[in-house]
Amino acid sequence: MSPRSSRSPRPLRSTVKTTLAAATAAAFALTAAPAHAAPEPDPSVWTQLSRTTQATAKYGYEGFAAAGGYARTDTCVADPTEGGMGYHYVNPANIGSVDPQKPAALVYADGSGFTDGRKLVAVEWVVKDTGQATAPTLFGQTFQKDQLPGYFTLHAWLYKPNSAGLFAAWNPEVICPTA
C-alpha cells in the first residue's frame, strides 16, 4: 500500500473548497468599481470604438499626427477643479464629422515617464453649433455644448484611463505644466 492511499481525501477537498472560495472572493473584490468611478458604457460601445482605435492608434507617436492632417497646438487645456484635457492636435477637415474613424482632434499629454514627447491620451469629435434643435450623438453619447464656445464636443479617453468616465470632458489624471 502506498503512503498516499492511506490518506483521507476529505482534508484535500476541504482545502480546495476553502481556496476556491477565497479566490472567488478576491476576484470579486478586485473587479468592484470604486464608489467614485464613473459607470462603464454599454459593452457594445467598445465594438464601435474599436474602429476609432484602429484609425487613431498610429498617432500614438506624436510625430505622426502632422502626416494625418492634425496641426499641433502648444496650449495645454486644464481646469483647476476638473482636471485636464491636454494638448489638442486638430484636423480641420474632420470638424463636423461624427464618423468614429475621423475625430477632429487628437489629445496628447505630457508626462515624466514619456521618453518620446507627448503621449496620445484621447480623441475628440467637434461639431459646429449652428442652432440645431438637438446636440449630435455618437456611441450613444450626447455631445457636450460649449466646452469649446460655439461647438459641440465629445471626448473618448481611449489611451488613458479616466476615473470621470470614458466620455468625460476632463480627466483628473491629466495635469498641465505650470508656467
Protein backbone atom coordinates (compact mmCIF):
# COMPACT_ATOMS: atom_id res chain seq x y z
CA MET A 1 0.00 0.00 0.00
CA SER A 2 1.42 3.41 -0.91
CA PRO A 3 1.58 6.21 1.66
CA ARG A 4 -0.77 8.25 -0.48
CA SER A 5 -3.61 5.75 -0.35
CA SER A 6 -3.69 5.80 3.45
CA ARG A 7 -4.68 9.50 3.49
CA SER A 8 -8.28 10.58 3.59
CA PRO A 9 -9.43 12.78 0.65
CA ARG A 10 -11.56 14.92 2.98
CA PRO A 11 -8.80 17.35 4.11
CA LEU A 12 -7.84 17.91 0.47
CA ARG A 13 -11.44 18.60 -0.56
CA SER A 14 -11.87 21.00 2.33
CA THR A 15 -8.65 22.80 1.42
CA VAL A 16 -9.65 23.04 -2.25
CA LYS A 17 -13.11 24.39 -1.36
CA THR A 18 -11.63 26.96 1.04
CA THR A 19 -9.01 28.04 -1.51
CA LEU A 20 -11.61 28.28 -4.27
CA ALA A 21 -13.94 30.37 -2.07
CA ALA A 22 -11.09 32.72 -1.13
CA ALA A 23 -10.00 33.09 -4.76
CA THR A 24 -13.57 33.84 -5.87
CA ALA A 25 -13.99 36.46 -3.15
CA ALA A 26 -10.67 38.05 -4.09
CA ALA A 27 -11.66 38.17 -7.77
CA PHE A 28 -14.92 39.94 -6.95
CA ALA A 29 -13.09 42.38 -4.68
CA LEU A 30 -10.65 43.25 -7.45
CA THR A 31 -13.38 43.84 -10.01
CA ALA A 32 -15.58 46.01 -7.81
CA ALA A 33 -15.58 49.59 -9.01
CA PRO A 34 -14.62 52.29 -6.53
CA ALA A 35 -17.53 54.41 -5.35
CA HIS A 36 -16.22 57.46 -7.23
CA ALA A 37 -15.70 55.71 -10.57
CA ALA A 38 -17.92 56.68 -13.46
CA PRO A 39 -20.23 54.00 -14.83
CA GLU A 40 -18.89 52.00 -17.74
CA PRO A 41 -20.66 52.40 -21.09
CA ASP A 42 -22.68 49.61 -22.66
CA PRO A 43 -20.30 46.84 -23.82
CA SER A 44 -21.42 47.28 -27.44
CA VAL A 45 -19.79 50.72 -27.38
CA TRP A 46 -16.37 49.05 -27.26
CA THR A 47 -17.12 47.30 -30.55
CA GLN A 48 -17.91 50.66 -32.11
CA LEU A 49 -14.85 52.30 -30.51
CA SER A 50 -12.59 49.61 -31.96
CA ARG A 51 -12.93 51.41 -35.32
CA THR A 52 -11.73 54.61 -33.65
CA THR A 53 -8.79 52.83 -32.08
CA GLN A 54 -7.84 51.23 -35.40
CA ALA A 55 -7.93 54.64 -37.10
CA THR A 56 -6.02 56.57 -34.42
CA ALA A 57 -3.56 54.16 -32.80
CA LYS A 58 -0.95 55.07 -35.42
CA TYR A 59 -0.85 58.55 -33.88
CA GLY A 60 0.35 57.18 -30.55
CA TYR A 61 3.71 58.60 -31.57
CA GLU A 62 3.18 62.36 -31.63
CA GLY A 63 5.39 62.81 -34.69
CA PHE A 64 2.86 61.03 -36.94
CA ALA A 65 -0.04 63.41 -36.18
CA ALA A 66 1.01 66.00 -38.79
CA ALA A 67 1.03 63.39 -41.56
CA GLY A 68 -2.61 62.67 -40.71
CA GLY A 69 -3.57 66.35 -41.11
CA TYR A 70 -3.53 67.15 -37.38
CA ALA A 71 -1.99 70.52 -36.52
CA ARG A 72 -0.10 70.74 -33.22
CA THR A 73 -1.12 73.19 -30.52
CA ASP A 74 1.09 74.26 -27.67
CA THR A 75 -1.65 75.15 -25.19
CA CYS A 76 -2.43 72.54 -22.57
CA VAL A 77 -6.12 72.82 -21.65
CA ALA A 78 -6.92 72.34 -17.96
CA ASP A 79 -9.50 73.25 -15.36
CA PRO A 80 -8.39 73.89 -11.76
CA THR A 81 -11.16 71.71 -10.31
CA GLU A 82 -11.99 69.19 -13.06
CA GLY A 83 -8.52 68.18 -14.26
CA GLY A 84 -7.01 68.43 -17.70
CA MET A 85 -7.69 67.67 -21.31
CA GLY A 86 -4.20 68.12 -22.66
CA TYR A 87 -2.88 69.42 -25.97
CA HIS A 88 -5.29 69.28 -28.90
CA TYR A 89 -3.99 68.46 -32.38
CA VAL A 90 -6.77 69.48 -34.76
CA ASN A 91 -7.60 68.26 -38.26
CA PRO A 92 -9.85 70.98 -39.75
CA ALA A 93 -11.15 68.56 -42.40
CA ASN A 94 -12.71 66.43 -39.65
CA ILE A 95 -14.57 69.22 -37.85
CA GLY A 96 -18.25 68.39 -38.21
CA SER A 97 -17.61 64.66 -38.55
CA VAL A 98 -19.46 62.13 -36.42
CA ASP A 99 -17.59 59.29 -38.12
CA PRO A 100 -15.94 57.11 -35.45
CA GLN A 101 -12.83 56.90 -37.65
CA LYS A 102 -12.49 60.67 -38.13
CA PRO A 103 -12.20 62.54 -34.84
CA ALA A 104 -11.49 66.24 -35.28
CA ALA A 105 -8.79 66.24 -32.61
CA LEU A 106 -6.18 64.01 -31.08
CA VAL A 107 -5.45 64.86 -27.46
CA TYR A 108 -1.93 64.45 -26.07
CA ALA A 109 -0.47 64.90 -22.60
CA ASP A 110 2.99 65.35 -21.15
CA GLY A 111 4.32 63.00 -18.57
CA SER A 112 7.53 62.49 -16.67
CA GLY A 113 7.74 58.88 -17.88
CA PHE A 114 7.35 59.73 -21.58
CA THR A 115 10.60 59.46 -23.48
CA ASP A 116 9.33 60.50 -26.91
CA GLY A 117 7.46 63.73 -26.26
CA ARG A 118 3.73 63.83 -25.68
CA LYS A 119 1.56 60.76 -25.40
CA LEU A 120 -1.82 60.24 -27.08
CA VAL A 121 -4.47 60.05 -24.35
CA ALA A 122 -7.82 60.75 -26.05
CA VAL A 123 -9.64 61.69 -29.23
CA GLU A 124 -12.34 64.31 -29.69
CA TRP A 125 -15.13 65.00 -32.16
CA VAL A 126 -16.11 68.62 -32.76
CA VAL A 127 -19.31 69.79 -34.46
CA LYS A 128 -20.25 73.43 -35.01
CA ASP A 129 -23.32 74.63 -33.12
CA THR A 130 -25.48 76.06 -35.89
CA GLY A 131 -28.55 76.32 -33.69
CA GLN A 132 -29.71 72.77 -34.40
CA ALA A 133 -32.54 71.55 -32.17
CA THR A 134 -30.53 68.71 -30.63
CA ALA A 135 -26.90 68.05 -29.95
CA PRO A 136 -25.21 65.39 -32.08
CA THR A 137 -24.72 61.90 -30.67
CA LEU A 138 -22.10 59.23 -31.18
CA PHE A 139 -21.61 55.90 -29.36
CA GLY A 140 -24.93 56.57 -27.61
CA GLN A 141 -23.43 59.71 -26.06
CA THR A 142 -24.75 63.23 -26.48
CA PHE A 143 -22.08 65.78 -27.35
CA GLN A 144 -21.39 68.45 -24.73
CA LYS A 145 -22.22 72.04 -25.54
CA ASP A 146 -19.87 74.97 -25.02
CA GLN A 147 -16.77 73.17 -23.78
CA LEU A 148 -15.48 74.94 -26.86
CA PRO A 149 -17.68 78.03 -27.39
CA GLY A 150 -19.88 77.68 -30.48
CA TYR A 151 -19.27 73.93 -30.81
CA PHE A 152 -20.45 70.58 -29.53
CA THR A 153 -17.68 68.22 -28.43
CA LEU A 154 -17.26 64.62 -27.39
CA HIS A 155 -14.09 63.13 -25.91
CA ALA A 156 -13.20 59.44 -25.78
CA TRP A 157 -10.37 58.62 -23.37
CA LEU A 158 -9.17 55.57 -25.28
CA TYR A 159 -5.50 55.78 -24.40
CA LYS A 160 -5.56 56.91 -20.77
CA PRO A 161 -7.99 55.70 -18.12
CA ASN A 162 -10.33 58.37 -16.82
CA SER A 163 -12.00 57.97 -13.43
CA ALA A 164 -14.53 60.61 -14.50
CA GLY A 165 -15.69 58.36 -17.35
CA LEU A 166 -14.74 57.24 -20.82
CA PHE A 167 -16.59 60.15 -22.45
CA ALA A 168 -15.99 62.86 -19.81
CA ALA A 169 -14.62 66.18 -21.00
CA TRP A 170 -11.98 66.38 -18.27
CA ASN A 171 -9.58 63.78 -16.92
CA PRO A 172 -8.46 64.29 -13.29
CA GLU A 173 -5.23 62.41 -14.05
CA VAL A 174 -4.14 64.79 -16.85
CA ILE A 175 -2.02 67.59 -15.48
CA CYS A 176 -0.82 70.56 -17.49
CA PRO A 177 2.61 72.02 -16.77
CA THR A 178 2.69 75.26 -14.81
CA ALA A 179 4.41 78.25 -16.34
